[in-house]
Amino acid sequence: MDAESSTRRNSPSNPTGSVYTPEEMRAIIYISRFESADVASEQLDAMATAIGSGSSGYGHHMQTEIGGLTVHSVFGHGAVHYFYTRGTDLTWLAAPPMLARAALAQLLEAEIDQIPQLGAPPVEA
């Protein structure tokens, strides 16, 4: 497979994003849709490896299970960042620390106590 075909295969189709304000309470959601769940998972693994190693100003990588989903979290650039896949969608959420857990809980339709604090072990249900 040539580089162009590989790039095309691994590129999301119709990426979307949303921004909610006011600025000090801004959560940014970016969703990339891939051709298959396997490709989305490959991209998630690649992100977790690159970002989890502390690249590009991110640190404190943590991986946890929430509602059957593997959710990665990192801290960087003044925000908590969560990323995970659900089917063919790879979702990235960035939010200020005071809003992050509540935003992820709402996005996943989970109870806030299911969302661990960054750097803290998950709460057993």
PDB file of N, CA and C in Angstrom:
ATOM      1  N   MET A   1       0.853  -1.171   0.000  1.00  0.00           N
ATOM      2  CA  MET A   1       0.000   0.000   0.000  1.00  0.00           C
ATOM      3  C   MET A   1       0.894   1.228   0.000  1.00  0.00           C
ATOM      4  N   ASP A   2       0.616   2.191  -0.866  1.00  0.00           N
ATOM      5  CA  ASP A   2       1.430   3.395  -0.910  1.00  0.00           C
ATOM      6  C   ASP A   2       1.012   4.368   0.194  1.00  0.00           C
ATOM      7  N   ALA A   3       1.839   5.373   0.442  1.00  0.00           N
ATOM      8  CA  ALA A   3       1.594   6.328   1.530  1.00  0.00           C
ATOM      9  C   ALA A   3       0.282   7.061   1.349  1.00  0.00           C
ATOM     10  N   GLU A   4      -0.043   7.424   0.099  1.00  0.00           N
ATOM     11  CA  GLU A   4      -1.288   8.152  -0.140  1.00  0.00           C
ATOM     12  C   GLU A   4      -2.501   7.299   0.207  1.00  0.00           C
ATOM     13  N   SER A   5      -2.490   6.019  -0.163  1.00  0.00           N
ATOM     14  CA  SER A   5      -3.600   5.123   0.159  1.00  0.00           C
ATOM     15  C   SER A   5      -3.713   4.935   1.657  1.00  0.00           C
ATOM     16  N   SER A   6      -2.581   4.799   2.338  1.00  0.00           N
ATOM     17  CA  SER A   6      -2.587   4.631   3.786  1.00  0.00           C
ATOM     18  C   SER A   6      -3.166   5.855   4.469  1.00  0.00           C
ATOM     19  N   THR A   7      -2.778   7.033   4.029  1.00  0.00           N
ATOM     20  CA  THR A   7      -3.292   8.274   4.605  1.00  0.00           C
ATOM     21  C   THR A   7      -4.787   8.386   4.379  1.00  0.00           C
ATOM     22  N   ARG A   8      -5.221   8.089   3.171  1.00  0.00           N
ATOM     23  CA  ARG A   8      -6.639   8.167   2.850  1.00  0.00           C
ATOM     24  C   ARG A   8      -7.430   7.177   3.704  1.00  0.00           C
ATOM     25  N   ARG A   9      -6.895   5.967   3.903  1.00  0.00           N
ATOM     26  CA  ARG A   9      -7.581   4.947   4.685  1.00  0.00           C
ATOM     27  C   ARG A   9      -7.695   5.355   6.148  1.00  0.00           C
ATOM     28  N   ASN A  10      -6.675   6.047   6.665  1.00  0.00           N
ATOM     29  CA  ASN A  10      -6.652   6.397   8.080  1.00  0.00           C
ATOM     30  C   ASN A  10      -7.189   7.786   8.370  1.00  0.00           C
ATOM     31  N   SER A  11      -7.675   8.490   7.373  1.00  0.00           N
ATOM     32  CA  SER A  11      -8.213   9.827   7.574  1.00  0.00           C
ATOM     33  C   SER A  11      -9.693   9.740   7.910  1.00  0.00           C
ATOM     34  N   PRO A  12     -10.124  10.569   8.863  1.00  0.00           N
ATOM     35  CA  PRO A  12     -11.554  10.545   9.207  1.00  0.00           C
ATOM     36  C   PRO A  12     -12.389  11.155   8.098  1.00  0.00           C
ATOM     37  N   SER A  13     -13.630  10.720   8.017  1.00  0.00           N
ATOM     38  CA  SER A  13     -14.558  11.355   7.091  1.00  0.00           C
ATOM     39  C   SER A  13     -15.476  12.262   7.893  1.00  0.00           C
ATOM     40  N   ASN A  14     -15.724  13.429   7.401  1.00  0.00           N
ATOM     41  CA  ASN A  14     -16.636  14.388   8.021  1.00  0.00           C
ATOM     42  C   ASN A  14     -16.344  14.656   9.497  1.00  0.00           C
ATOM     43  N   PRO A  15     -15.115  15.081   9.858  1.00  0.00           N
ATOM     44  CA  PRO A  15     -14.863  15.405  11.264  1.00  0.00           C
ATOM     45  C   PRO A  15     -15.726  16.587  11.687  1.00  0.00           C
ATOM     46  N   THR A  16     -16.190  16.577  12.918  1.00  0.00           N
ATOM     47  CA  THR A  16     -17.020  17.658  13.416  1.00  0.00           C
ATOM     48  C   THR A  16     -16.499  18.114  14.772  1.00  0.00           C
ATOM     49  N   GLY A  17     -16.870  19.292  15.171  1.00  0.00           N
ATOM     50  CA  GLY A  17     -16.471  19.814  16.469  1.00  0.00           C
ATOM     51  C   GLY A  17     -17.497  20.798  16.976  1.00  0.00           C
ATOM     52  N   SER A  18     -17.512  20.996  18.296  1.00  0.00           N
ATOM     53  CA  SER A  18     -18.429  21.944  18.918  1.00  0.00           C
ATOM     54  C   SER A  18     -17.687  22.683  20.015  1.00  0.00           C
ATOM     55  N   VAL A  19     -18.052  23.939  20.231  1.00  0.00           N
ATOM     56  CA  VAL A  19     -17.478  24.736  21.299  1.00  0.00           C
ATOM     57  C   VAL A  19     -18.624  25.336  22.097  1.00  0.00           C
ATOM     58  N   TYR A  20     -18.552  25.190  23.407  1.00  0.00           N
ATOM     59  CA  TYR A  20     -19.546  25.756  24.304  1.00  0.00           C
ATOM     60  C   TYR A  20     -18.865  26.829  25.134  1.00  0.00           C
ATOM     61  N   THR A  21     -19.500  27.954  25.370  1.00  0.00           N
ATOM     62  CA  THR A  21     -18.892  29.060  26.096  1.00  0.00           C
ATOM     63  C   THR A  21     -19.756  29.438  27.286  1.00  0.00           C
ATOM     64  N   PRO A  22     -19.367  30.226  28.252  1.00  0.00           N
ATOM     65  CA  PRO A  22     -18.360  31.270  28.234  1.00  0.00           C
ATOM     66  C   PRO A  22     -16.941  30.706  28.239  1.00  0.00           C
ATOM     67  N   GLU A  23     -16.005  31.555  27.846  1.00  0.00           N
ATOM     68  CA  GLU A  23     -14.635  31.104  27.618  1.00  0.00           C
ATOM     69  C   GLU A  23     -14.024  30.377  28.804  1.00  0.00           C
ATOM     70  N   GLU A  24     -14.204  30.891  30.022  1.00  0.00           N
ATOM     71  CA  GLU A  24     -13.596  30.241  31.184  1.00  0.00           C
ATOM     72  C   GLU A  24     -14.223  28.889  31.506  1.00  0.00           C
ATOM     73  N   MET A  25     -15.355  28.594  30.900  1.00  0.00           N
ATOM     74  CA  MET A  25     -16.031  27.304  31.099  1.00  0.00           C
ATOM     75  C   MET A  25     -16.201  26.599  29.760  1.00  0.00           C
ATOM     76  N   ARG A  26     -15.249  26.755  28.859  1.00  0.00           N
ATOM     77  CA  ARG A  26     -15.361  26.231  27.506  1.00  0.00           C
ATOM     78  C   ARG A  26     -14.937  24.766  27.448  1.00  0.00           C
ATOM     79  N   ALA A  27     -15.785  23.943  26.892  1.00  0.00           N
ATOM     80  CA  ALA A  27     -15.452  22.550  26.581  1.00  0.00           C
ATOM     81  C   ALA A  27     -15.443  22.416  25.071  1.00  0.00           C
ATOM     82  N   ILE A  28     -14.426  21.772  24.562  1.00  0.00           N
ATOM     83  CA  ILE A  28     -14.318  21.559  23.122  1.00  0.00           C
ATOM     84  C   ILE A  28     -14.411  20.066  22.852  1.00  0.00           C
ATOM     85  N   ILE A  29     -15.283  19.698  21.941  1.00  0.00           N
ATOM     86  CA  ILE A  29     -15.481  18.301  21.569  1.00  0.00           C
ATOM     87  C   ILE A  29     -15.132  18.167  20.095  1.00  0.00           C
ATOM     88  N   TYR A  30     -14.253  17.229  19.795  1.00  0.00           N
ATOM     89  CA  TYR A  30     -13.884  16.962  18.411  1.00  0.00           C
ATOM     90  C   TYR A  30     -14.146  15.483  18.143  1.00  0.00           C
ATOM     91  N   ILE A  31     -14.902  15.189  17.104  1.00  0.00           N
ATOM     92  CA  ILE A  31     -15.247  13.808  16.769  1.00  0.00           C
ATOM     93  C   ILE A  31     -14.760  13.509  15.355  1.00  0.00           C
ATOM     94  N   SER A  32     -13.952  12.465  15.241  1.00  0.00           N
ATOM     95  CA  SER A  32     -13.498  11.991  13.939  1.00  0.00           C
ATOM     96  C   SER A  32     -14.190  10.662  13.664  1.00  0.00           C
ATOM     97  N   ARG A  33     -14.770  10.534  12.483  1.00  0.00           N
ATOM     98  CA  ARG A  33     -15.446   9.295  12.102  1.00  0.00           C
ATOM     99  C   ARG A  33     -14.579   8.580  11.067  1.00  0.00           C
ATOM    100  N   PHE A  34     -14.252   7.321  11.368  1.00  0.00           N
ATOM    101  CA  PHE A  34     -13.388   6.532  10.497  1.00  0.00           C
ATOM    102  C   PHE A  34     -14.202   5.480   9.761  1.00  0.00           C
ATOM    103  N   GLU A  35     -13.569   4.841   8.784  1.00  0.00           N
ATOM    104  CA  GLU A  35     -14.272   3.859   7.951  1.00  0.00           C
ATOM    105  C   GLU A  35     -14.658   2.605   8.717  1.00  0.00           C
ATOM    106  N   SER A  36     -13.977   2.316   9.829  1.00  0.00           N
ATOM    107  CA  SER A  36     -14.317   1.132  10.623  1.00  0.00           C
ATOM    108  C   SER A  36     -13.913   1.360  12.075  1.00  0.00           C
ATOM    109  N   ALA A  37     -14.495   0.564  12.954  1.00  0.00           N
ATOM    110  CA  ALA A  37     -14.146   0.629  14.371  1.00  0.00           C
ATOM    111  C   ALA A  37     -12.688   0.224  14.586  1.00  0.00           C
ATOM    112  N   ASP A  38     -12.191  -0.701  13.780  1.00  0.00           N
ATOM    113  CA  ASP A  38     -10.792  -1.120  13.908  1.00  0.00           C
ATOM    114  C   ASP A  38      -9.843   0.040  13.612  1.00  0.00           C
ATOM    115  N   VAL A  39     -10.131   0.802  12.569  1.00  0.00           N
ATOM    116  CA  VAL A  39      -9.277   1.940  12.223  1.00  0.00           C
ATOM    117  C   VAL A  39      -9.360   2.998  13.318  1.00  0.00           C
ATOM    118  N   ALA A  40     -10.552   3.246  13.846  1.00  0.00           N
ATOM    119  CA  ALA A  40     -10.702   4.208  14.946  1.00  0.00           C
ATOM    120  C   ALA A  40      -9.887   3.760  16.155  1.00  0.00           C
ATOM    121  N   SER A  41      -9.922   2.474  16.470  1.00  0.00           N
ATOM    122  CA  SER A  41      -9.149   1.944  17.596  1.00  0.00           C
ATOM    123  C   SER A  41      -7.650   2.059  17.363  1.00  0.00           C
ATOM    124  N   GLU A  42      -7.208   1.818  16.130  1.00  0.00           N
ATOM    125  CA  GLU A  42      -5.793   1.986  15.792  1.00  0.00           C
ATOM    126  C   GLU A  42      -5.354   3.430  16.018  1.00  0.00           C
ATOM    127  N   GLN A  43      -6.191   4.364  15.612  1.00  0.00           N
ATOM    128  CA  GLN A  43      -5.867   5.776  15.791  1.00  0.00           C
ATOM    129  C   GLN A  43      -5.846   6.151  17.272  1.00  0.00           C
ATOM    130  N   LEU A  44      -6.779   5.604  18.047  1.00  0.00           N
ATOM    131  CA  LEU A  44      -6.794   5.837  19.493  1.00  0.00           C
ATOM    132  C   LEU A  44      -5.506   5.324  20.128  1.00  0.00           C
ATOM    133  N   ASP A  45      -5.103   4.122  19.766  1.00  0.00           N
ATOM    134  CA  ASP A  45      -3.868   3.549  20.308  1.00  0.00           C
ATOM    135  C   ASP A  45      -2.661   4.401  19.951  1.00  0.00           C
ATOM    136  N   ALA A  46      -2.616   4.880  18.712  1.00  0.00           N
ATOM    137  CA  ALA A  46      -1.501   5.729  18.282  1.00  0.00           C
ATOM    138  C   ALA A  46      -1.483   7.031  19.073  1.00  0.00           C
ATOM    139  N   MET A  47      -2.654   7.630  19.295  1.00  0.00           N
ATOM    140  CA  MET A  47      -2.741   8.861  20.083  1.00  0.00           C
ATOM    141  C   MET A  47      -2.292   8.606  21.514  1.00  0.00           C
ATOM    142  N   ALA A  48      -2.776   7.531  22.097  1.00  0.00           N
ATOM    143  CA  ALA A  48      -2.440   7.225  23.491  1.00  0.00           C
ATOM    144  C   ALA A  48      -0.940   7.008  23.648  1.00  0.00           C
ATOM    145  N   THR A  49      -0.328   6.357  22.679  1.00  0.00           N
ATOM    146  CA  THR A  49       1.115   6.115  22.737  1.00  0.00           C
ATOM    147  C   THR A  49       1.883   7.426  22.620  1.00  0.00           C
ATOM    148  N   ALA A  50       1.517   8.264  21.661  1.00  0.00           N
ATOM    149  CA  ALA A  50       2.232   9.523  21.438  1.00  0.00           C
ATOM    150  C   ALA A  50       1.979  10.521  22.562  1.00  0.00           C
ATOM    151  N   ILE A  51       0.732  10.753  22.875  1.00  0.00           N
ATOM    152  CA  ILE A  51       0.377  11.759  23.879  1.00  0.00           C
ATOM    153  C   ILE A  51       0.680  11.252  25.286  1.00  0.00           C
ATOM    154  N   GLY A  52       0.433   9.971  25.515  1.00  0.00           N
ATOM    155  CA  GLY A  52       0.662   9.394  26.835  1.00  0.00           C
ATOM    156  C   GLY A  52       2.109   9.416  27.264  1.00  0.00           C
ATOM    157  N   SER A  53       3.013   9.492  26.302  1.00  0.00           N
ATOM    158  CA  SER A  53       4.439   9.535  26.627  1.00  0.00           C
ATOM    159  C   SER A  53       4.884  10.935  27.031  1.00  0.00           C
ATOM    160  N   GLY A  54       3.959  11.891  27.025  1.00  0.00           N
ATOM    161  CA  GLY A  54       4.280  13.238  27.450  1.00  0.00           C
ATOM    162  C   GLY A  54       4.631  14.174  26.310  1.00  0.00           C
ATOM    163  N   SER A  55       4.215  13.838  25.108  1.00  0.00           N
ATOM    164  CA  SER A  55       4.553  14.689  23.969  1.00  0.00           C
ATOM    165  C   SER A  55       3.658  15.920  23.898  1.00  0.00           C
ATOM    166  N   SER A  56       4.157  16.936  23.262  1.00  0.00           N
ATOM    167  CA  SER A  56       3.392  18.142  22.926  1.00  0.00           C
ATOM    168  C   SER A  56       2.762  18.841  24.127  1.00  0.00           C
ATOM    169  N   GLY A  57       3.396  18.749  25.271  1.00  0.00           N
ATOM    170  CA  GLY A  57       2.898  19.469  26.440  1.00  0.00           C
ATOM    171  C   GLY A  57       1.819  18.761  27.235  1.00  0.00           C
ATOM    172  N   TYR A  58       1.586  17.496  26.967  1.00  0.00           N
ATOM    173  CA  TYR A  58       0.601  16.720  27.713  1.00  0.00           C
ATOM    174  C   TYR A  58       1.315  15.803  28.706  1.00  0.00           C
ATOM    175  N   GLY A  59       0.664  15.517  29.812  1.00  0.00           N
ATOM    176  CA  GLY A  59       1.246  14.618  30.799  1.00  0.00           C
ATOM    177  C   GLY A  59       0.165  13.985  31.652  1.00  0.00           C
ATOM    178  N   HIS A  60       0.587  13.213  32.619  1.00  0.00           N
ATOM    179  CA  HIS A  60      -0.312  12.554  33.570  1.00  0.00           C
ATOM    180  C   HIS A  60      -1.307  11.633  32.867  1.00  0.00           C
ATOM    181  N   HIS A  61      -0.832  10.863  31.885  1.00  0.00           N
ATOM    182  CA  HIS A  61      -1.706   9.960  31.135  1.00  0.00           C
ATOM    183  C   HIS A  61      -2.316   8.917  32.063  1.00  0.00           C
ATOM    184  N   MET A  62      -3.587   8.680  31.883  1.00  0.00           N
ATOM    185  CA  MET A  62      -4.308   7.669  32.643  1.00  0.00           C
ATOM    186  C   MET A  62      -5.290   6.981  31.698  1.00  0.00           C
ATOM    187  N   GLN A  63      -5.499   5.705  31.902  1.00  0.00           N
ATOM    188  CA  GLN A  63      -6.468   4.941  31.121  1.00  0.00           C
ATOM    189  C   GLN A  63      -7.408   4.274  32.105  1.00  0.00           C
ATOM    190  N   THR A  64      -8.705   4.352  31.835  1.00  0.00           N
ATOM    191  CA  THR A  64      -9.694   3.762  32.724  1.00  0.00           C
ATOM    192  C   THR A  64     -10.877   3.252  31.908  1.00  0.00           C
ATOM    193  N   GLU A  65     -11.658   2.388  32.500  1.00  0.00           N
ATOM    194  CA  GLU A  65     -12.884   1.879  31.880  1.00  0.00           C
ATOM    195  C   GLU A  65     -14.074   2.623  32.470  1.00  0.00           C
ATOM    196  N   ILE A  66     -14.913   3.169  31.612  1.00  0.00           N
ATOM    197  CA  ILE A  66     -16.121   3.869  32.038  1.00  0.00           C
ATOM    198  C   ILE A  66     -17.262   3.383  31.168  1.00  0.00           C
ATOM    199  N   GLY A  67     -18.211   2.717  31.771  1.00  0.00           N
ATOM    200  CA  GLY A  67     -19.364   2.234  31.007  1.00  0.00           C
ATOM    201  C   GLY A  67     -18.997   1.334  29.851  1.00  0.00           C
ATOM    202  N   GLY A  68     -17.962   0.523  30.011  1.00  0.00           N
ATOM    203  CA  GLY A  68     -17.539  -0.396  28.968  1.00  0.00           C
ATOM    204  C   GLY A  68     -16.621   0.221  27.920  1.00  0.00           C
ATOM    205  N   LEU A  69     -16.309   1.506  28.037  1.00  0.00           N
ATOM    206  CA  LEU A  69     -15.407   2.173  27.104  1.00  0.00           C
ATOM    207  C   LEU A  69     -14.041   2.378  27.756  1.00  0.00           C
ATOM    208  N   THR A  70     -12.991   2.218  26.976  1.00  0.00           N
ATOM    209  CA  THR A  70     -11.655   2.564  27.439  1.00  0.00           C
ATOM    210  C   THR A  70     -11.462   4.047  27.170  1.00  0.00           C
ATOM    211  N   VAL A  71     -11.279   4.808  28.237  1.00  0.00           N
ATOM    212  CA  VAL A  71     -11.133   6.259  28.136  1.00  0.00           C
ATOM    213  C   VAL A  71      -9.733   6.643  28.595  1.00  0.00           C
ATOM    214  N   HIS A  72      -9.045   7.413  27.757  1.00  0.00           N
ATOM    215  CA  HIS A  72      -7.717   7.928  28.091  1.00  0.00           C
ATOM    216  C   HIS A  72      -7.875   9.366  28.544  1.00  0.00           C
ATOM    217  N   SER A  73      -7.047   9.793  29.487  1.00  0.00           N
ATOM    218  CA  SER A  73      -7.064  11.182  29.918  1.00  0.00           C
ATOM    219  C   SER A  73      -5.638  11.676  30.086  1.00  0.00           C
ATOM    220  N   VAL A  74      -5.455  12.945  29.792  1.00  0.00           N
ATOM    221  CA  VAL A  74      -4.174  13.622  29.975  1.00  0.00           C
ATOM    222  C   VAL A  74      -4.470  15.055  30.418  1.00  0.00           C
ATOM    223  N   PHE A  75      -3.456  15.685  30.996  1.00  0.00           N
ATOM    224  CA  PHE A  75      -3.555  17.088  31.347  1.00  0.00           C
ATOM    225  C   PHE A  75      -2.550  17.847  30.503  1.00  0.00           C
ATOM    226  N   GLY A  76      -2.969  18.989  29.996  1.00  0.00           N
ATOM    227  CA  GLY A  76      -2.045  19.808  29.230  1.00  0.00           C
ATOM    228  C   GLY A  76      -2.690  21.068  28.730  1.00  0.00           C
ATOM    229  N   HIS A  77      -1.886  22.099  28.583  1.00  0.00           N
ATOM    230  CA  HIS A  77      -2.353  23.375  28.053  1.00  0.00           C
ATOM    231  C   HIS A  77      -3.524  23.930  28.862  1.00  0.00           C
ATOM    232  N   GLY A  78      -3.495  23.702  30.183  1.00  0.00           N
ATOM    233  CA  GLY A  78      -4.511  24.243  31.081  1.00  0.00           C
ATOM    234  C   GLY A  78      -5.833  23.517  31.090  1.00  0.00           C
ATOM    235  N   ALA A  79      -5.900  22.354  30.467  1.00  0.00           N
ATOM    236  CA  ALA A  79      -7.164  21.625  30.383  1.00  0.00           C
ATOM    237  C   ALA A  79      -6.960  20.131  30.622  1.00  0.00           C
ATOM    238  N   VAL A  80      -8.044  19.467  30.948  1.00  0.00           N
ATOM    239  CA  VAL A  80      -8.069  18.009  30.998  1.00  0.00           C
ATOM    240  C   VAL A  80      -8.605  17.549  29.647  1.00  0.00           C
ATOM    241  N   HIS A  81      -7.951  16.563  29.071  1.00  0.00           N
ATOM    242  CA  HIS A  81      -8.327  16.034  27.755  1.00  0.00           C
ATOM    243  C   HIS A  81      -8.682  14.568  27.900  1.00  0.00           C
ATOM    244  N   TYR A  82      -9.830  14.186  27.379  1.00  0.00           N
ATOM    245  CA  TYR A  82     -10.269  12.789  27.365  1.00  0.00           C
ATOM    246  C   TYR A  82     -10.395  12.365  25.905  1.00  0.00           C
ATOM    247  N   PHE A  83     -10.017  11.129  25.615  1.00  0.00           N
ATOM    248  CA  PHE A  83     -10.219  10.619  24.261  1.00  0.00           C
ATOM    249  C   PHE A  83     -10.548   9.141  24.332  1.00  0.00           C
ATOM    250  N   TYR A  84     -11.466   8.738  23.450  1.00  0.00           N
ATOM    251  CA  TYR A  84     -11.967   7.367  23.450  1.00  0.00           C
ATOM    252  C   TYR A  84     -12.654   7.093  22.121  1.00  0.00           C
ATOM    253  N   THR A  85     -12.897   5.814  21.851  1.00  0.00           N
ATOM    254  CA  THR A  85     -13.659   5.450  20.657  1.00  0.00           C
ATOM    255  C   THR A  85     -14.988   4.826  21.070  1.00  0.00           C
ATOM    256  N   ARG A  86     -15.944   5.032  20.204  1.00  0.00           N
ATOM    257  CA  ARG A  86     -17.251   4.376  20.310  1.00  0.00           C
ATOM    258  C   ARG A  86     -17.652   4.057  18.882  1.00  0.00           C
ATOM    259  N   GLY A  87     -17.545   2.775  18.522  1.00  0.00           N
ATOM    260  CA  GLY A  87     -17.797   2.390  17.135  1.00  0.00           C
ATOM    261  C   GLY A  87     -16.743   2.991  16.226  1.00  0.00           C
ATOM    262  N   THR A  88     -17.181   3.668  15.175  1.00  0.00           N
ATOM    263  CA  THR A  88     -16.248   4.271  14.221  1.00  0.00           C
ATOM    264  C   THR A  88     -15.838   5.690  14.608  1.00  0.00           C
ATOM    265  N   ASP A  89     -16.365   6.194  15.716  1.00  0.00           N
ATOM    266  CA  ASP A  89     -16.071   7.553  16.162  1.00  0.00           C
ATOM    267  C   ASP A  89     -14.940   7.579  17.181  1.00  0.00           C
ATOM    268  N   LEU A  90     -13.992   8.473  16.960  1.00  0.00           N
ATOM    269  CA  LEU A  90     -12.958   8.765  17.949  1.00  0.00           C
ATOM    270  C   LEU A  90     -13.287  10.157  18.479  1.00  0.00           C
ATOM    271  N   THR A  91     -13.537  10.245  19.785  1.00  0.00           N
ATOM    272  CA  THR A  91     -13.955  11.500  20.403  1.00  0.00           C
ATOM    273  C   THR A  91     -12.843  12.044  21.270  1.00  0.00           C
ATOM    274  N   TRP A  92     -12.615  13.346  21.181  1.00  0.00           N
ATOM    275  CA  TRP A  92     -11.651  14.077  22.005  1.00  0.00           C
ATOM    276  C   TRP A  92     -12.429  15.189  22.696  1.00  0.00           C
ATOM    277  N   LEU A  93     -12.334  15.241  24.021  1.00  0.00           N
ATOM    278  CA  LEU A  93     -12.968  16.291  24.817  1.00  0.00           C
ATOM    279  C   LEU A  93     -11.878  17.032  25.567  1.00  0.00           C
ATOM    280  N   ALA A  94     -11.852  18.344  25.456  1.00  0.00           N
ATOM    281  CA  ALA A  94     -10.931  19.185  26.226  1.00  0.00           C
ATOM    282  C   ALA A  94     -11.777  20.148  27.042  1.00  0.00           C
ATOM    283  N   ALA A  95     -11.491  20.208  28.350  1.00  0.00           N
ATOM    284  CA  ALA A  95     -12.288  21.063  29.230  1.00  0.00           C
ATOM    285  C   ALA A  95     -11.435  21.550  30.395  1.00  0.00           C
ATOM    286  N   PRO A  96     -11.779  22.717  30.962  1.00  0.00           N
ATOM    287  CA  PRO A  96     -11.066  23.191  32.139  1.00  0.00           C
ATOM    288  C   PRO A  96     -11.216  22.173  33.272  1.00  0.00           C
ATOM    289  N   PRO A  97     -10.209  22.064  34.132  1.00  0.00           N
ATOM    290  CA  PRO A  97     -10.263  21.063  35.202  1.00  0.00           C
ATOM    291  C   PRO A  97     -11.551  21.085  36.022  1.00  0.00           C
ATOM    292  N   MET A  98     -12.085  22.257  36.305  1.00  0.00           N
ATOM    293  CA  MET A  98     -13.291  22.333  37.142  1.00  0.00           C
ATOM    294  C   MET A  98     -14.550  21.852  36.416  1.00  0.00           C
ATOM    295  N   LEU A  99     -14.498  21.732  35.120  1.00  0.00           N
ATOM    296  CA  LEU A  99     -15.643  21.308  34.319  1.00  0.00           C
ATOM    297  C   LEU A  99     -15.469  19.913  33.722  1.00  0.00           C
ATOM    298  N   ALA A 100     -14.237  19.428  33.669  1.00  0.00           N
ATOM    299  CA  ALA A 100     -13.904  18.242  32.881  1.00  0.00           C
ATOM    300  C   ALA A 100     -14.701  16.996  33.263  1.00  0.00           C
ATOM    301  N   ARG A 101     -14.719  16.628  34.525  1.00  0.00           N
ATOM    302  CA  ARG A 101     -15.410  15.388  34.924  1.00  0.00           C
ATOM    303  C   ARG A 101     -16.902  15.461  34.602  1.00  0.00           C
ATOM    304  N   ALA A 102     -17.531  16.587  34.884  1.00  0.00           N
ATOM    305  CA  ALA A 102     -18.963  16.742  34.607  1.00  0.00           C
ATOM    306  C   ALA A 102     -19.236  16.689  33.111  1.00  0.00           C
ATOM    307  N   ALA A 103     -18.353  17.300  32.320  1.00  0.00           N
ATOM    308  CA  ALA A 103     -18.543  17.285  30.864  1.00  0.00           C
ATOM    309  C   ALA A 103     -18.438  15.863  30.324  1.00  0.00           C
ATOM    310  N   LEU A 104     -17.435  15.110  30.794  1.00  0.00           N
ATOM    311  CA  LEU A 104     -17.290  13.733  30.322  1.00  0.00           C
ATOM    312  C   LEU A 104     -18.460  12.873  30.787  1.00  0.00           C
ATOM    313  N   ALA A 105     -18.894  13.057  32.029  1.00  0.00           N
ATOM    314  CA  ALA A 105     -20.040  12.288  32.536  1.00  0.00           C
ATOM    315  C   ALA A 105     -21.268  12.538  31.671  1.00  0.00           C
ATOM    316  N   GLN A 106     -21.501  13.787  31.311  1.00  0.00           N
ATOM    317  CA  GLN A 106     -22.651  14.106  30.460  1.00  0.00           C
ATOM    318  C   GLN A 106     -22.494  13.480  29.080  1.00  0.00           C
ATOM    319  N   LEU A 107     -21.315  13.569  28.519  1.00  0.00           N
ATOM    320  CA  LEU A 107     -21.064  13.018  27.188  1.00  0.00           C
ATOM    321  C   LEU A 107     -21.274  11.503  27.163  1.00  0.00           C
ATOM    322  N   LEU A 108     -20.835  10.821  28.223  1.00  0.00           N
ATOM    323  CA  LEU A 108     -20.944   9.358  28.291  1.00  0.00           C
ATOM    324  C   LEU A 108     -22.242   8.878  28.932  1.00  0.00           C
ATOM    325  N   GLU A 109     -23.068   9.829  29.367  1.00  0.00           N
ATOM    326  CA  GLU A 109     -24.301   9.487  30.088  1.00  0.00           C
ATOM    327  C   GLU A 109     -23.976   8.592  31.278  1.00  0.00           C
ATOM    328  N   ALA A 110     -22.985   9.030  32.069  1.00  0.00           N
ATOM    329  CA  ALA A 110     -22.509   8.293  33.238  1.00  0.00           C
ATOM    330  C   ALA A 110     -22.681   9.165  34.476  1.00  0.00           C
ATOM    331  N   GLU A 111     -22.615   8.544  35.635  1.00  0.00           N
ATOM    332  CA  GLU A 111     -22.621   9.284  36.891  1.00  0.00           C
ATOM    333  C   GLU A 111     -21.248   9.903  37.080  1.00  0.00           C
ATOM    334  N   ILE A 112     -21.194  11.089  37.647  1.00  0.00           N
ATOM    335  CA  ILE A 112     -19.916  11.783  37.802  1.00  0.00           C
ATOM    336  C   ILE A 112     -18.941  11.002  38.682  1.00  0.00           C
ATOM    337  N   ASP A 113     -19.445  10.219  39.640  1.00  0.00           N
ATOM    338  CA  ASP A 113     -18.529   9.450  40.495  1.00  0.00           C
ATOM    339  C   ASP A 113     -17.883   8.283  39.750  1.00  0.00           C
ATOM    340  N   GLN A 114     -18.332   7.994  38.524  1.00  0.00           N
ATOM    341  CA  GLN A 114     -17.682   6.990  37.686  1.00  0.00           C
ATOM    342  C   GLN A 114     -16.472   7.568  36.951  1.00  0.00           C
ATOM    343  N   ILE A 115     -16.355   8.889  36.961  1.00  0.00           N
ATOM    344  CA  ILE A 115     -15.273   9.571  36.248  1.00  0.00           C
ATOM    345  C   ILE A 115     -14.162   9.862  37.256  1.00  0.00           C
ATOM    346  N   PRO A 116     -13.007   9.203  37.104  1.00  0.00           N
ATOM    347  CA  PRO A 116     -11.930   9.451  38.062  1.00  0.00           C
ATOM    348  C   PRO A 116     -11.327  10.840  37.882  1.00  0.00           C
ATOM    349  N   GLN A 117     -10.817  11.373  38.983  1.00  0.00           N
ATOM    350  CA  GLN A 117     -10.052  12.608  38.886  1.00  0.00           C
ATOM    351  C   GLN A 117      -8.714  12.275  38.268  1.00  0.00           C
ATOM    352  N   LEU A 118      -8.179  13.173  37.493  1.00  0.00           N
ATOM    353  CA  LEU A 118      -6.902  12.940  36.856  1.00  0.00           C
ATOM    354  C   LEU A 118      -5.847  12.664  37.923  1.00  0.00           C
ATOM    355  N   GLY A 119      -5.172  11.538  37.772  1.00  0.00           N
ATOM    356  CA  GLY A 119      -4.147  11.141  38.726  1.00  0.00           C
ATOM    357  C   GLY A 119      -4.678  10.349  39.899  1.00  0.00           C
ATOM    358  N   ALA A 120      -5.986  10.114  39.960  1.00  0.00           N
ATOM    359  CA  ALA A 120      -6.583   9.335  41.046  1.00  0.00           C
ATOM    360  C   ALA A 120      -7.127   8.022  40.483  1.00  0.00           C
ATOM    361  N   PRO A 121      -7.069   6.940  41.261  1.00  0.00           N
ATOM    362  CA  PRO A 121      -7.627   5.675  40.769  1.00  0.00           C
ATOM    363  C   PRO A 121      -9.127   5.777  40.620  1.00  0.00           C
ATOM    364  N   PRO A 122      -9.719   5.030  39.672  1.00  0.00           N
ATOM    365  CA  PRO A 122     -11.172   5.077  39.495  1.00  0.00           C
ATOM    366  C   PRO A 122     -11.891   4.535  40.723  1.00  0.00           C
ATOM    367  N   VAL A 123     -13.079   5.058  40.962  1.00  0.00           N
ATOM    368  CA  VAL A 123     -13.902   4.615  42.074  1.00  0.00           C
ATOM    369  C   VAL A 123     -14.579   3.313  41.687  1.00  0.00           C
ATOM    370  N   GLU A 124     -14.468   2.318  42.551  1.00  0.00           N
ATOM    371  CA  GLU A 124     -15.125   1.028  42.277  1.00  0.00           C
ATOM    372  C   GLU A 124     -16.626   1.166  42.499  1.00  0.00           C
ATOM    373  N   ALA A 125     -17.414   0.639  41.573  1.00  0.00           N
ATOM    374  CA  ALA A 125     -18.873   0.721  41.667  1.00  0.00           C
ATOM    375  C   ALA A 125     -19.421  -0.312  42.617  1.00  0.00           C
TER     376      ALA A 125
END
